[in-house]
């Protein structure tokens, strides 16, 4: 298997505060971030539920979900946020062409899908040195290698998502390790140059095999 190559060289790695400040989020707040168009399978409602429960524990938390809005999901998410008392802490900037620039302003990247392929956004988050929490929805297990480079939790489980967030917030050393190791892993395996190198090696092996077969 040759994984997709992601353009990580242009992904910023240092926080610039621009986007969170433009949304009225304080520098000290915890920002949970997600990227994905509003589709049922993305389960953005789980992120909102996690936000509700996190703020209920006294944490100044906000959530940013970047993606194209679609009804009735947009309306349902806003209703859920209002009922949970977090409407002012949920930010839905819609579809953006500068997604990579937003990533460093996230404290935690969450992928809450019921089913997910190879997630380019997840790899971008790793490239931006953002700690990742993802559901065991397919692609994340391959990218994170069963939890080596980020936290993996069961699908549809708010308690597990919340516990994984708390584990990061309560362990600065874990955050530092995840930021470093996940970035190194992404740069080693998931860049465009690494993808091109893998294809070149594959073609060379196929050509060598063909030459050997012809010679025989």
N, C-alpha and C. Protein backbone atom coordinates (compact mmCIF):
# COMPACT_ATOMS: atom_id res chain seq x y z
N UNK A 1 0.83 -1.19 0.00
CA UNK A 1 0.00 0.00 0.00
C UNK A 1 0.87 1.25 0.00
N UNK A 2 0.55 2.18 -0.88
CA UNK A 2 1.24 3.46 -0.91
C UNK A 2 0.23 4.53 -0.49
N UNK A 3 0.44 5.16 0.66
CA UNK A 3 -0.52 6.17 1.13
C UNK A 3 -0.46 7.44 0.30
N UNK A 4 -1.57 8.18 0.30
CA UNK A 4 -1.61 9.46 -0.39
C UNK A 4 -0.57 10.41 0.18
N UNK A 5 -0.01 11.22 -0.69
CA UNK A 5 0.94 12.23 -0.25
C UNK A 5 0.22 13.55 -0.01
N UNK A 6 0.52 14.20 1.09
CA UNK A 6 -0.11 15.45 1.47
C UNK A 6 0.93 16.57 1.40
N UNK A 7 0.54 17.72 0.91
CA UNK A 7 1.46 18.85 0.83
C UNK A 7 1.62 19.45 2.21
N UNK A 8 2.60 18.93 2.96
CA UNK A 8 2.80 19.36 4.35
C UNK A 8 3.80 20.50 4.48
N UNK A 9 4.56 20.74 3.43
CA UNK A 9 5.58 21.79 3.53
C UNK A 9 4.96 23.17 3.74
N UNK A 10 3.71 23.34 3.29
CA UNK A 10 3.05 24.64 3.42
C UNK A 10 2.17 24.74 4.67
N UNK A 11 2.14 23.68 5.47
CA UNK A 11 1.30 23.70 6.67
C UNK A 11 2.05 24.40 7.80
N UNK A 12 1.53 25.50 8.34
CA UNK A 12 2.20 26.19 9.44
C UNK A 12 2.26 25.30 10.68
N UNK A 13 3.29 25.49 11.49
CA UNK A 13 3.44 24.69 12.70
C UNK A 13 3.41 25.53 13.96
N UNK A 14 3.45 26.83 13.81
CA UNK A 14 3.44 27.72 14.96
C UNK A 14 2.12 28.48 15.02
N UNK A 15 1.55 28.57 16.20
CA UNK A 15 0.28 29.27 16.39
C UNK A 15 0.46 30.77 16.12
N UNK A 16 -0.52 31.35 15.40
CA UNK A 16 -0.44 32.79 15.15
C UNK A 16 -1.59 33.56 15.82
N UNK A 17 -2.53 32.80 16.41
CA UNK A 17 -3.63 33.39 17.19
C UNK A 17 -4.67 34.13 16.35
N UNK A 18 -4.42 34.32 15.07
CA UNK A 18 -5.28 35.17 14.24
C UNK A 18 -6.72 34.70 14.22
N UNK A 19 -6.92 33.42 13.94
CA UNK A 19 -8.27 32.94 13.73
C UNK A 19 -9.06 32.86 15.02
N UNK A 20 -8.45 32.37 16.09
CA UNK A 20 -9.19 32.29 17.34
C UNK A 20 -9.53 33.69 17.85
N UNK A 21 -8.66 34.64 17.66
CA UNK A 21 -8.97 36.00 18.09
C UNK A 21 -10.07 36.62 17.23
N UNK A 22 -10.10 36.28 15.94
CA UNK A 22 -11.15 36.80 15.07
C UNK A 22 -12.52 36.27 15.46
N UNK A 23 -12.54 35.14 16.16
CA UNK A 23 -13.80 34.54 16.62
C UNK A 23 -14.11 34.91 18.07
N UNK A 24 -13.26 35.74 18.67
CA UNK A 24 -13.48 36.16 20.05
C UNK A 24 -13.10 35.11 21.07
N UNK A 25 -12.17 34.21 20.70
CA UNK A 25 -11.71 33.16 21.61
C UNK A 25 -10.43 33.65 22.30
N UNK A 26 -10.39 33.54 23.61
CA UNK A 26 -9.24 34.02 24.36
C UNK A 26 -8.02 33.13 24.09
N UNK A 27 -6.84 33.70 24.32
CA UNK A 27 -5.61 32.96 24.09
C UNK A 27 -5.48 31.77 25.02
N UNK A 28 -6.10 31.84 26.19
CA UNK A 28 -5.96 30.76 27.18
C UNK A 28 -7.01 29.66 27.02
N UNK A 29 -7.97 29.83 26.13
CA UNK A 29 -9.03 28.84 25.96
C UNK A 29 -8.51 27.58 25.29
N UNK A 30 -9.20 26.47 25.53
CA UNK A 30 -8.90 25.20 24.86
C UNK A 30 -9.78 25.11 23.62
N UNK A 31 -9.15 24.95 22.47
CA UNK A 31 -9.89 24.89 21.21
C UNK A 31 -9.86 23.48 20.64
N UNK A 32 -11.07 22.89 20.51
CA UNK A 32 -11.22 21.61 19.84
C UNK A 32 -11.55 21.90 18.37
N UNK A 33 -10.81 21.32 17.47
CA UNK A 33 -11.02 21.62 16.06
C UNK A 33 -11.37 20.39 15.24
N UNK A 34 -12.17 20.60 14.21
CA UNK A 34 -12.52 19.52 13.28
C UNK A 34 -12.65 20.11 11.88
N UNK A 35 -12.40 19.27 10.89
CA UNK A 35 -12.53 19.67 9.49
C UNK A 35 -13.36 18.62 8.76
N UNK A 36 -14.42 19.06 8.12
CA UNK A 36 -15.26 18.12 7.39
C UNK A 36 -16.59 18.74 7.04
N UNK A 37 -17.04 18.53 5.81
CA UNK A 37 -18.34 19.05 5.41
C UNK A 37 -19.45 18.42 6.24
N UNK A 38 -20.55 19.10 6.34
CA UNK A 38 -21.64 18.68 7.24
C UNK A 38 -22.40 17.51 6.63
N UNK A 39 -21.96 16.31 7.00
CA UNK A 39 -22.61 15.07 6.55
C UNK A 39 -22.88 14.22 7.78
N UNK A 40 -23.89 13.39 7.68
CA UNK A 40 -24.30 12.57 8.82
C UNK A 40 -23.14 11.72 9.35
N UNK A 41 -22.40 11.09 8.44
CA UNK A 41 -21.33 10.19 8.85
C UNK A 41 -20.18 10.86 9.56
N UNK A 42 -20.04 12.19 9.43
CA UNK A 42 -18.95 12.90 10.10
C UNK A 42 -19.19 13.02 11.60
N UNK A 43 -20.42 12.89 12.03
CA UNK A 43 -20.81 12.92 13.45
C UNK A 43 -20.26 14.15 14.20
N UNK A 44 -20.46 15.32 13.60
CA UNK A 44 -20.07 16.55 14.29
C UNK A 44 -20.83 16.74 15.59
N UNK A 45 -21.98 16.07 15.70
CA UNK A 45 -22.76 16.18 16.95
C UNK A 45 -21.96 15.64 18.14
N UNK A 46 -21.09 14.66 17.90
CA UNK A 46 -20.27 14.12 18.98
C UNK A 46 -19.27 15.15 19.49
N UNK A 47 -18.77 15.96 18.57
CA UNK A 47 -17.85 17.03 18.98
C UNK A 47 -18.58 18.07 19.82
N UNK A 48 -19.81 18.40 19.41
CA UNK A 48 -20.59 19.37 20.18
C UNK A 48 -20.91 18.81 21.57
N UNK A 49 -21.26 17.53 21.63
CA UNK A 49 -21.54 16.89 22.93
C UNK A 49 -20.29 16.91 23.81
N UNK A 50 -19.15 16.66 23.21
CA UNK A 50 -17.89 16.69 23.96
C UNK A 50 -17.63 18.10 24.49
N UNK A 51 -17.91 19.09 23.67
CA UNK A 51 -17.75 20.49 24.08
C UNK A 51 -18.66 20.81 25.27
N UNK A 52 -19.90 20.36 25.20
CA UNK A 52 -20.87 20.61 26.28
C UNK A 52 -20.36 20.02 27.59
N UNK A 53 -19.90 18.79 27.54
CA UNK A 53 -19.46 18.11 28.76
C UNK A 53 -18.14 18.68 29.28
N UNK A 54 -17.29 19.10 28.37
CA UNK A 54 -16.02 19.67 28.79
C UNK A 54 -16.24 21.01 29.50
N UNK A 55 -17.10 21.84 28.96
CA UNK A 55 -17.38 23.12 29.60
C UNK A 55 -18.11 22.94 30.93
N UNK A 56 -18.87 21.87 31.04
CA UNK A 56 -19.58 21.58 32.30
C UNK A 56 -18.61 21.28 33.43
N UNK A 57 -17.38 20.86 33.08
CA UNK A 57 -16.36 20.58 34.10
C UNK A 57 -15.58 21.84 34.48
N UNK A 58 -15.93 22.98 33.87
CA UNK A 58 -15.26 24.23 34.20
C UNK A 58 -14.16 24.64 33.26
N UNK A 59 -13.94 23.87 32.20
CA UNK A 59 -12.88 24.18 31.23
C UNK A 59 -13.40 25.23 30.25
N UNK A 60 -12.62 26.28 30.02
CA UNK A 60 -12.97 27.30 29.03
C UNK A 60 -12.65 26.74 27.64
N UNK A 61 -13.59 25.98 27.11
CA UNK A 61 -13.38 25.28 25.85
C UNK A 61 -14.25 25.88 24.74
N UNK A 62 -13.72 25.83 23.53
CA UNK A 62 -14.44 26.25 22.33
C UNK A 62 -14.24 25.17 21.27
N UNK A 63 -15.14 25.12 20.31
CA UNK A 63 -15.01 24.18 19.21
C UNK A 63 -15.13 24.93 17.89
N UNK A 64 -14.27 24.59 16.96
CA UNK A 64 -14.32 25.15 15.61
C UNK A 64 -14.49 23.99 14.64
N UNK A 65 -15.55 24.02 13.85
CA UNK A 65 -15.78 22.99 12.83
C UNK A 65 -15.76 23.67 11.48
N UNK A 66 -14.74 23.36 10.67
CA UNK A 66 -14.60 23.96 9.35
C UNK A 66 -15.16 22.99 8.31
N UNK A 67 -16.09 23.45 7.50
CA UNK A 67 -16.68 22.61 6.48
C UNK A 67 -17.92 23.25 5.90
N UNK A 68 -18.29 22.80 4.72
CA UNK A 68 -19.47 23.35 4.04
C UNK A 68 -20.74 23.00 4.80
N UNK A 69 -21.53 24.01 5.10
CA UNK A 69 -22.77 23.80 5.84
C UNK A 69 -23.81 23.09 4.97
N UNK A 70 -24.64 22.30 5.60
CA UNK A 70 -25.74 21.63 4.91
C UNK A 70 -26.88 21.47 5.91
N UNK A 71 -28.09 21.65 5.44
CA UNK A 71 -29.26 21.45 6.28
C UNK A 71 -29.78 20.04 6.08
N UNK A 72 -30.39 19.44 7.12
CA UNK A 72 -30.70 20.07 8.41
C UNK A 72 -29.58 20.01 9.44
N UNK A 73 -28.39 19.49 9.06
CA UNK A 73 -27.34 19.27 10.06
C UNK A 73 -26.89 20.56 10.73
N UNK A 74 -26.73 21.62 9.95
CA UNK A 74 -26.28 22.88 10.53
C UNK A 74 -27.26 23.35 11.60
N UNK A 75 -28.53 23.30 11.26
CA UNK A 75 -29.57 23.71 12.22
C UNK A 75 -29.58 22.81 13.44
N UNK A 76 -29.41 21.52 13.25
CA UNK A 76 -29.43 20.57 14.36
C UNK A 76 -28.23 20.79 15.30
N UNK A 77 -27.07 21.08 14.73
CA UNK A 77 -25.88 21.33 15.56
C UNK A 77 -26.07 22.60 16.39
N UNK A 78 -26.62 23.64 15.78
CA UNK A 78 -26.85 24.88 16.51
C UNK A 78 -27.88 24.69 17.61
N UNK A 79 -28.91 23.90 17.32
CA UNK A 79 -29.93 23.61 18.34
C UNK A 79 -29.32 22.84 19.51
N UNK A 80 -28.49 21.85 19.19
CA UNK A 80 -27.81 21.06 20.23
C UNK A 80 -26.93 21.97 21.08
N UNK A 81 -26.21 22.88 20.44
CA UNK A 81 -25.33 23.79 21.18
C UNK A 81 -26.14 24.72 22.07
N UNK A 82 -27.25 25.23 21.57
CA UNK A 82 -28.10 26.12 22.37
C UNK A 82 -28.68 25.40 23.57
N UNK A 83 -29.15 24.18 23.35
CA UNK A 83 -29.73 23.39 24.46
C UNK A 83 -28.66 23.07 25.50
N UNK A 84 -27.42 22.91 25.06
CA UNK A 84 -26.34 22.58 25.98
C UNK A 84 -25.66 23.80 26.57
N UNK A 85 -26.14 24.99 26.20
CA UNK A 85 -25.57 26.21 26.74
C UNK A 85 -24.21 26.59 26.21
N UNK A 86 -23.87 26.10 25.00
CA UNK A 86 -22.53 26.38 24.46
C UNK A 86 -22.60 27.07 23.09
N UNK A 87 -23.70 27.71 22.79
CA UNK A 87 -23.88 28.33 21.48
C UNK A 87 -22.78 29.34 21.17
N UNK A 88 -22.35 30.09 22.17
CA UNK A 88 -21.31 31.10 21.95
C UNK A 88 -19.91 30.49 21.88
N UNK A 89 -19.81 29.21 22.21
CA UNK A 89 -18.51 28.54 22.19
C UNK A 89 -18.35 27.62 20.98
N UNK A 90 -19.39 27.54 20.15
CA UNK A 90 -19.33 26.73 18.93
C UNK A 90 -19.19 27.66 17.74
N UNK A 91 -18.16 27.45 16.94
CA UNK A 91 -17.86 28.35 15.83
C UNK A 91 -17.86 27.54 14.52
N UNK A 92 -18.68 27.97 13.57
CA UNK A 92 -18.84 27.25 12.31
C UNK A 92 -18.53 28.20 11.15
N UNK A 93 -17.26 28.38 10.83
CA UNK A 93 -16.87 29.34 9.80
C UNK A 93 -17.18 28.92 8.37
N UNK A 94 -17.73 27.71 8.19
CA UNK A 94 -18.11 27.26 6.85
C UNK A 94 -16.94 26.73 6.05
N UNK A 95 -17.13 26.66 4.74
CA UNK A 95 -16.09 26.16 3.83
C UNK A 95 -14.97 27.19 3.74
N UNK A 96 -13.73 26.72 3.83
CA UNK A 96 -12.56 27.60 3.76
C UNK A 96 -11.54 27.02 2.80
N UNK A 97 -10.84 27.90 2.12
CA UNK A 97 -9.76 27.45 1.24
C UNK A 97 -8.41 27.53 1.93
N UNK A 98 -8.40 28.09 3.16
CA UNK A 98 -7.16 28.25 3.91
C UNK A 98 -7.15 27.37 5.17
N UNK A 99 -7.68 26.16 5.03
CA UNK A 99 -7.82 25.27 6.17
C UNK A 99 -6.50 25.05 6.92
N UNK A 100 -5.43 24.83 6.18
CA UNK A 100 -4.14 24.54 6.83
C UNK A 100 -3.71 25.66 7.76
N UNK A 101 -4.05 26.89 7.42
CA UNK A 101 -3.64 28.02 8.24
C UNK A 101 -4.37 28.06 9.58
N UNK A 102 -5.53 27.42 9.65
CA UNK A 102 -6.30 27.38 10.90
C UNK A 102 -5.76 26.36 11.89
N UNK A 103 -5.12 25.32 11.38
CA UNK A 103 -4.76 24.19 12.22
C UNK A 103 -3.92 24.54 13.45
N UNK A 104 -2.88 25.38 13.34
CA UNK A 104 -2.07 25.66 14.53
C UNK A 104 -2.85 26.33 15.66
N UNK A 105 -4.00 26.92 15.36
CA UNK A 105 -4.80 27.56 16.40
C UNK A 105 -5.66 26.53 17.17
N UNK A 106 -5.64 25.26 16.73
CA UNK A 106 -6.34 24.20 17.46
C UNK A 106 -5.44 23.66 18.56
N UNK A 107 -6.03 23.35 19.71
CA UNK A 107 -5.29 22.65 20.77
C UNK A 107 -5.39 21.15 20.60
N UNK A 108 -6.53 20.69 20.09
CA UNK A 108 -6.77 19.27 19.84
C UNK A 108 -7.54 19.15 18.53
N UNK A 109 -7.14 18.21 17.68
CA UNK A 109 -7.88 17.92 16.45
C UNK A 109 -8.71 16.67 16.69
N UNK A 110 -10.02 16.75 16.42
CA UNK A 110 -10.90 15.60 16.62
C UNK A 110 -11.48 15.13 15.29
N UNK A 111 -11.40 13.84 15.05
CA UNK A 111 -12.07 13.20 13.93
C UNK A 111 -13.09 12.24 14.52
N UNK A 112 -14.38 12.55 14.40
CA UNK A 112 -15.43 11.82 15.11
C UNK A 112 -16.30 10.98 14.18
N UNK A 113 -15.83 10.67 12.98
CA UNK A 113 -16.63 9.99 11.98
C UNK A 113 -17.03 8.57 12.38
N UNK A 114 -18.15 8.12 11.82
CA UNK A 114 -18.53 6.72 11.94
C UNK A 114 -17.75 5.86 10.95
N UNK A 115 -17.41 6.45 9.81
CA UNK A 115 -16.62 5.76 8.79
C UNK A 115 -15.74 6.77 8.08
N UNK A 116 -14.46 6.46 7.95
CA UNK A 116 -13.52 7.42 7.38
C UNK A 116 -12.48 6.69 6.56
N UNK A 117 -12.14 7.26 5.40
CA UNK A 117 -11.05 6.71 4.60
C UNK A 117 -9.72 7.31 5.04
N UNK A 118 -8.82 7.44 4.10
CA UNK A 118 -7.54 8.08 4.41
C UNK A 118 -7.81 9.57 4.58
N UNK A 119 -7.67 10.07 5.79
CA UNK A 119 -8.06 11.44 6.11
C UNK A 119 -6.90 12.41 5.87
N UNK A 120 -7.02 13.22 4.82
CA UNK A 120 -6.00 14.22 4.54
C UNK A 120 -5.94 15.25 5.66
N UNK A 121 -7.12 15.60 6.21
CA UNK A 121 -7.17 16.60 7.29
C UNK A 121 -6.43 16.10 8.52
N UNK A 122 -6.57 14.82 8.83
CA UNK A 122 -5.90 14.26 10.00
C UNK A 122 -4.39 14.33 9.82
N UNK A 123 -3.90 14.01 8.63
CA UNK A 123 -2.47 14.07 8.36
C UNK A 123 -1.99 15.52 8.41
N UNK A 124 -2.79 16.44 7.90
CA UNK A 124 -2.43 17.87 7.97
C UNK A 124 -2.30 18.31 9.43
N UNK A 125 -3.21 17.86 10.27
CA UNK A 125 -3.15 18.21 11.69
C UNK A 125 -1.85 17.69 12.31
N UNK A 126 -1.46 16.46 11.98
CA UNK A 126 -0.20 15.92 12.47
C UNK A 126 0.97 16.76 11.98
N UNK A 127 0.89 17.20 10.71
CA UNK A 127 1.94 18.03 10.15
C UNK A 127 2.02 19.39 10.82
N UNK A 128 0.89 19.85 11.37
CA UNK A 128 0.85 21.13 12.07
C UNK A 128 1.17 20.99 13.55
N UNK A 129 1.53 19.78 13.97
CA UNK A 129 1.88 19.49 15.36
C UNK A 129 0.69 19.67 16.31
N UNK A 130 -0.50 19.29 15.84
CA UNK A 130 -1.69 19.35 16.68
C UNK A 130 -2.00 17.93 17.17
N UNK A 131 -2.13 17.70 18.48
CA UNK A 131 -2.49 16.36 18.98
C UNK A 131 -3.84 15.90 18.39
N UNK A 132 -3.89 14.64 18.01
CA UNK A 132 -5.06 14.11 17.31
C UNK A 132 -5.80 13.08 18.16
N UNK A 133 -7.13 13.20 18.15
CA UNK A 133 -8.01 12.18 18.71
C UNK A 133 -8.96 11.76 17.60
N UNK A 134 -9.05 10.47 17.33
CA UNK A 134 -9.88 10.00 16.23
C UNK A 134 -10.64 8.75 16.62
N UNK A 135 -11.80 8.57 16.02
CA UNK A 135 -12.57 7.35 16.22
C UNK A 135 -11.98 6.22 15.37
N UNK A 136 -12.20 5.00 15.81
CA UNK A 136 -11.74 3.84 15.04
C UNK A 136 -12.72 3.62 13.89
N UNK A 137 -12.58 4.46 12.88
CA UNK A 137 -13.54 4.50 11.78
C UNK A 137 -12.95 4.07 10.45
N UNK A 138 -11.80 3.40 10.49
CA UNK A 138 -11.19 2.91 9.26
C UNK A 138 -9.82 3.49 9.04
N UNK A 139 -9.77 4.57 8.28
CA UNK A 139 -8.51 5.21 7.95
C UNK A 139 -7.65 5.65 9.12
N UNK A 140 -8.25 6.21 10.19
CA UNK A 140 -7.43 6.66 11.31
C UNK A 140 -6.55 5.57 11.93
N UNK A 141 -7.06 4.32 11.96
CA UNK A 141 -6.22 3.26 12.54
C UNK A 141 -4.96 3.05 11.72
N UNK A 142 -5.06 3.18 10.40
CA UNK A 142 -3.89 3.00 9.55
C UNK A 142 -2.91 4.16 9.74
N UNK A 143 -3.43 5.37 9.78
CA UNK A 143 -2.57 6.55 9.89
C UNK A 143 -1.90 6.61 11.26
N UNK A 144 -2.67 6.35 12.30
CA UNK A 144 -2.15 6.47 13.66
C UNK A 144 -1.54 5.17 14.17
N UNK A 145 -1.58 4.12 13.36
CA UNK A 145 -1.01 2.83 13.72
C UNK A 145 -1.46 2.39 15.10
N UNK A 146 -2.79 2.30 15.23
CA UNK A 146 -3.42 1.80 16.46
C UNK A 146 -3.01 2.58 17.70
N UNK A 147 -2.90 3.90 17.55
CA UNK A 147 -2.72 4.73 18.73
C UNK A 147 -1.31 5.17 19.03
N UNK A 148 -0.35 4.87 18.16
CA UNK A 148 1.04 5.26 18.43
C UNK A 148 1.24 6.77 18.28
N UNK A 149 0.51 7.37 17.34
CA UNK A 149 0.75 8.78 17.02
C UNK A 149 -0.43 9.68 17.41
N UNK A 150 -1.45 9.10 18.00
CA UNK A 150 -2.62 9.86 18.43
C UNK A 150 -3.56 8.94 19.18
N UNK A 151 -4.61 9.49 19.74
CA UNK A 151 -5.55 8.68 20.53
C UNK A 151 -6.65 8.13 19.63
N UNK A 152 -6.95 6.85 19.79
CA UNK A 152 -8.04 6.22 19.06
C UNK A 152 -9.12 5.80 20.04
N UNK A 153 -10.38 6.11 19.72
CA UNK A 153 -11.50 5.78 20.60
C UNK A 153 -12.59 5.11 19.77
N UNK A 154 -13.51 4.40 20.43
CA UNK A 154 -14.61 3.76 19.69
C UNK A 154 -15.51 4.79 19.01
N UNK A 155 -16.16 4.41 17.93
CA UNK A 155 -17.09 5.31 17.26
C UNK A 155 -18.33 5.52 18.13
N UNK A 156 -18.90 6.71 18.00
CA UNK A 156 -20.16 7.02 18.67
C UNK A 156 -20.08 7.10 20.18
N UNK A 157 -18.90 7.28 20.75
CA UNK A 157 -18.73 7.22 22.20
C UNK A 157 -18.23 8.56 22.74
N UNK A 158 -19.16 9.38 23.24
CA UNK A 158 -18.81 10.70 23.76
C UNK A 158 -17.92 10.58 24.99
N UNK A 159 -18.21 9.63 25.85
CA UNK A 159 -17.42 9.46 27.08
C UNK A 159 -15.96 9.18 26.74
N UNK A 160 -15.72 8.37 25.73
CA UNK A 160 -14.35 8.04 25.34
C UNK A 160 -13.66 9.26 24.75
N UNK A 161 -14.38 10.05 23.95
CA UNK A 161 -13.81 11.27 23.40
C UNK A 161 -13.44 12.24 24.52
N UNK A 162 -14.35 12.41 25.47
CA UNK A 162 -14.11 13.32 26.59
C UNK A 162 -12.91 12.87 27.42
N UNK A 163 -12.83 11.57 27.68
CA UNK A 163 -11.71 11.04 28.46
C UNK A 163 -10.38 11.27 27.74
N UNK A 164 -10.38 11.12 26.42
CA UNK A 164 -9.15 11.33 25.65
C UNK A 164 -8.74 12.80 25.68
N UNK A 165 -9.71 13.70 25.62
CA UNK A 165 -9.41 15.14 25.71
C UNK A 165 -8.84 15.47 27.09
N UNK A 166 -9.49 14.96 28.14
CA UNK A 166 -9.00 15.21 29.50
C UNK A 166 -7.59 14.66 29.69
N UNK A 167 -7.30 13.51 29.09
CA UNK A 167 -5.97 12.91 29.22
C UNK A 167 -4.91 13.84 28.65
N UNK A 168 -5.22 14.50 27.53
CA UNK A 168 -4.27 15.44 26.95
C UNK A 168 -4.14 16.70 27.79
N UNK A 169 -5.29 17.22 28.22
CA UNK A 169 -5.26 18.47 28.99
C UNK A 169 -4.54 18.30 30.32
N UNK A 170 -4.56 17.09 30.85
CA UNK A 170 -3.94 16.85 32.15
C UNK A 170 -2.50 16.38 32.09
N UNK A 171 -1.94 16.30 30.87
CA UNK A 171 -0.59 15.75 30.75
C UNK A 171 0.21 16.53 29.70
N UNK A 172 0.83 17.63 30.08
CA UNK A 172 1.61 18.44 29.13
C UNK A 172 2.72 17.65 28.45
N UNK A 173 3.31 16.68 29.14
CA UNK A 173 4.37 15.88 28.54
C UNK A 173 3.82 15.02 27.41
N UNK A 174 2.61 14.47 27.60
CA UNK A 174 1.97 13.69 26.54
C UNK A 174 1.71 14.57 25.32
N UNK A 175 1.25 15.78 25.56
CA UNK A 175 1.01 16.72 24.46
C UNK A 175 2.31 17.01 23.71
N UNK A 176 3.39 17.26 24.44
CA UNK A 176 4.67 17.54 23.81
C UNK A 176 5.14 16.35 22.97
N UNK A 177 5.00 15.15 23.52
CA UNK A 177 5.42 13.95 22.81
C UNK A 177 4.59 13.73 21.55
N UNK A 178 3.27 13.88 21.68
CA UNK A 178 2.40 13.68 20.53
C UNK A 178 2.70 14.70 19.43
N UNK A 179 2.91 15.94 19.82
CA UNK A 179 3.21 16.98 18.83
C UNK A 179 4.47 16.64 18.04
N UNK A 180 5.50 16.20 18.75
CA UNK A 180 6.76 15.88 18.09
C UNK A 180 6.69 14.60 17.28
N UNK A 181 6.22 13.53 17.90
CA UNK A 181 6.25 12.22 17.25
C UNK A 181 5.28 12.13 16.07
N UNK A 182 4.08 12.70 16.23
CA UNK A 182 3.11 12.64 15.14
C UNK A 182 3.60 13.45 13.94
N UNK A 183 4.22 14.58 14.21
CA UNK A 183 4.76 15.39 13.12
C UNK A 183 5.86 14.63 12.39
N UNK A 184 6.77 14.02 13.13
CA UNK A 184 7.86 13.27 12.51
C UNK A 184 7.33 12.11 11.68
N UNK A 185 6.29 11.42 12.19
CA UNK A 185 5.69 10.29 11.48
C UNK A 185 5.05 10.75 10.18
N UNK A 186 4.31 11.85 10.25
CA UNK A 186 3.65 12.37 9.05
C UNK A 186 4.67 12.79 8.00
N UNK A 187 5.73 13.45 8.43
CA UNK A 187 6.74 13.91 7.49
C UNK A 187 7.50 12.75 6.86
N UNK A 188 7.60 11.65 7.58
CA UNK A 188 8.34 10.49 7.06
C UNK A 188 7.52 9.68 6.07
N UNK A 189 6.20 9.60 6.26
CA UNK A 189 5.39 8.68 5.46
C UNK A 189 4.37 9.34 4.54
N UNK A 190 3.90 10.52 4.88
CA UNK A 190 2.69 11.02 4.21
C UNK A 190 2.88 12.30 3.41
N UNK A 191 4.11 12.63 3.04
CA UNK A 191 4.34 13.80 2.21
C UNK A 191 4.30 13.40 0.73
N UNK A 192 4.18 14.38 -0.15
CA UNK A 192 4.20 14.08 -1.57
C UNK A 192 5.54 13.49 -2.02
N UNK A 193 6.67 14.03 -1.56
CA UNK A 193 7.95 13.40 -1.95
C UNK A 193 8.04 11.94 -1.53
N UNK A 194 7.56 11.60 -0.32
CA UNK A 194 7.62 10.21 0.12
C UNK A 194 6.71 9.32 -0.74
N UNK A 195 5.55 9.86 -1.16
CA UNK A 195 4.66 9.10 -2.05
C UNK A 195 5.33 8.85 -3.40
N UNK A 196 5.96 9.89 -3.95
CA UNK A 196 6.63 9.76 -5.24
C UNK A 196 7.77 8.75 -5.16
N UNK A 197 8.54 8.81 -4.08
CA UNK A 197 9.63 7.85 -3.89
C UNK A 197 9.10 6.42 -3.85
N UNK A 198 7.98 6.23 -3.17
CA UNK A 198 7.39 4.89 -3.06
C UNK A 198 6.95 4.37 -4.42
N UNK A 199 6.35 5.23 -5.25
CA UNK A 199 5.94 4.81 -6.59
C UNK A 199 7.16 4.50 -7.46
N UNK A 200 8.21 5.30 -7.34
CA UNK A 200 9.42 5.04 -8.12
C UNK A 200 10.03 3.69 -7.75
N UNK A 201 10.05 3.38 -6.45
CA UNK A 201 10.59 2.09 -6.01
C UNK A 201 9.74 0.94 -6.55
N UNK A 202 8.42 1.13 -6.52
CA UNK A 202 7.52 0.09 -7.01
C UNK A 202 7.75 -0.16 -8.51
N UNK A 203 7.82 0.92 -9.29
CA UNK A 203 8.05 0.77 -10.72
C UNK A 203 9.39 0.10 -11.00
N UNK A 204 10.42 0.47 -10.23
CA UNK A 204 11.74 -0.13 -10.42
C UNK A 204 11.69 -1.63 -10.14
N UNK A 205 10.98 -2.02 -9.07
CA UNK A 205 10.87 -3.43 -8.73
C UNK A 205 10.13 -4.20 -9.82
N UNK A 206 9.05 -3.57 -10.36
CA UNK A 206 8.29 -4.24 -11.42
C UNK A 206 9.14 -4.40 -12.68
N UNK A 207 9.92 -3.38 -13.03
CA UNK A 207 10.77 -3.46 -14.21
C UNK A 207 11.87 -4.50 -14.03
N UNK A 208 12.46 -4.55 -12.83
CA UNK A 208 13.48 -5.56 -12.57
C UNK A 208 12.90 -6.96 -12.67
N UNK A 209 11.68 -7.12 -12.15
CA UNK A 209 11.04 -8.43 -12.23
C UNK A 209 10.74 -8.82 -13.65
N UNK A 210 10.37 -7.85 -14.48
CA UNK A 210 10.07 -8.15 -15.87
C UNK A 210 11.34 -8.53 -16.63
N UNK A 211 12.44 -7.80 -16.32
CA UNK A 211 13.71 -8.12 -16.98
C UNK A 211 14.17 -9.54 -16.62
N UNK A 212 14.03 -9.87 -15.33
CA UNK A 212 14.46 -11.20 -14.86
C UNK A 212 13.63 -12.27 -15.54
N UNK A 213 12.33 -12.04 -15.68
CA UNK A 213 11.44 -13.02 -16.30
C UNK A 213 11.79 -13.21 -17.77
N UNK A 214 12.10 -12.08 -18.47
CA UNK A 214 12.45 -12.13 -19.89
C UNK A 214 13.77 -12.89 -20.07
N UNK A 215 14.73 -12.61 -19.20
CA UNK A 215 16.03 -13.27 -19.28
C UNK A 215 15.90 -14.77 -19.09
N UNK A 216 15.03 -15.14 -18.14
CA UNK A 216 14.84 -16.58 -17.88
C UNK A 216 14.20 -17.25 -19.08
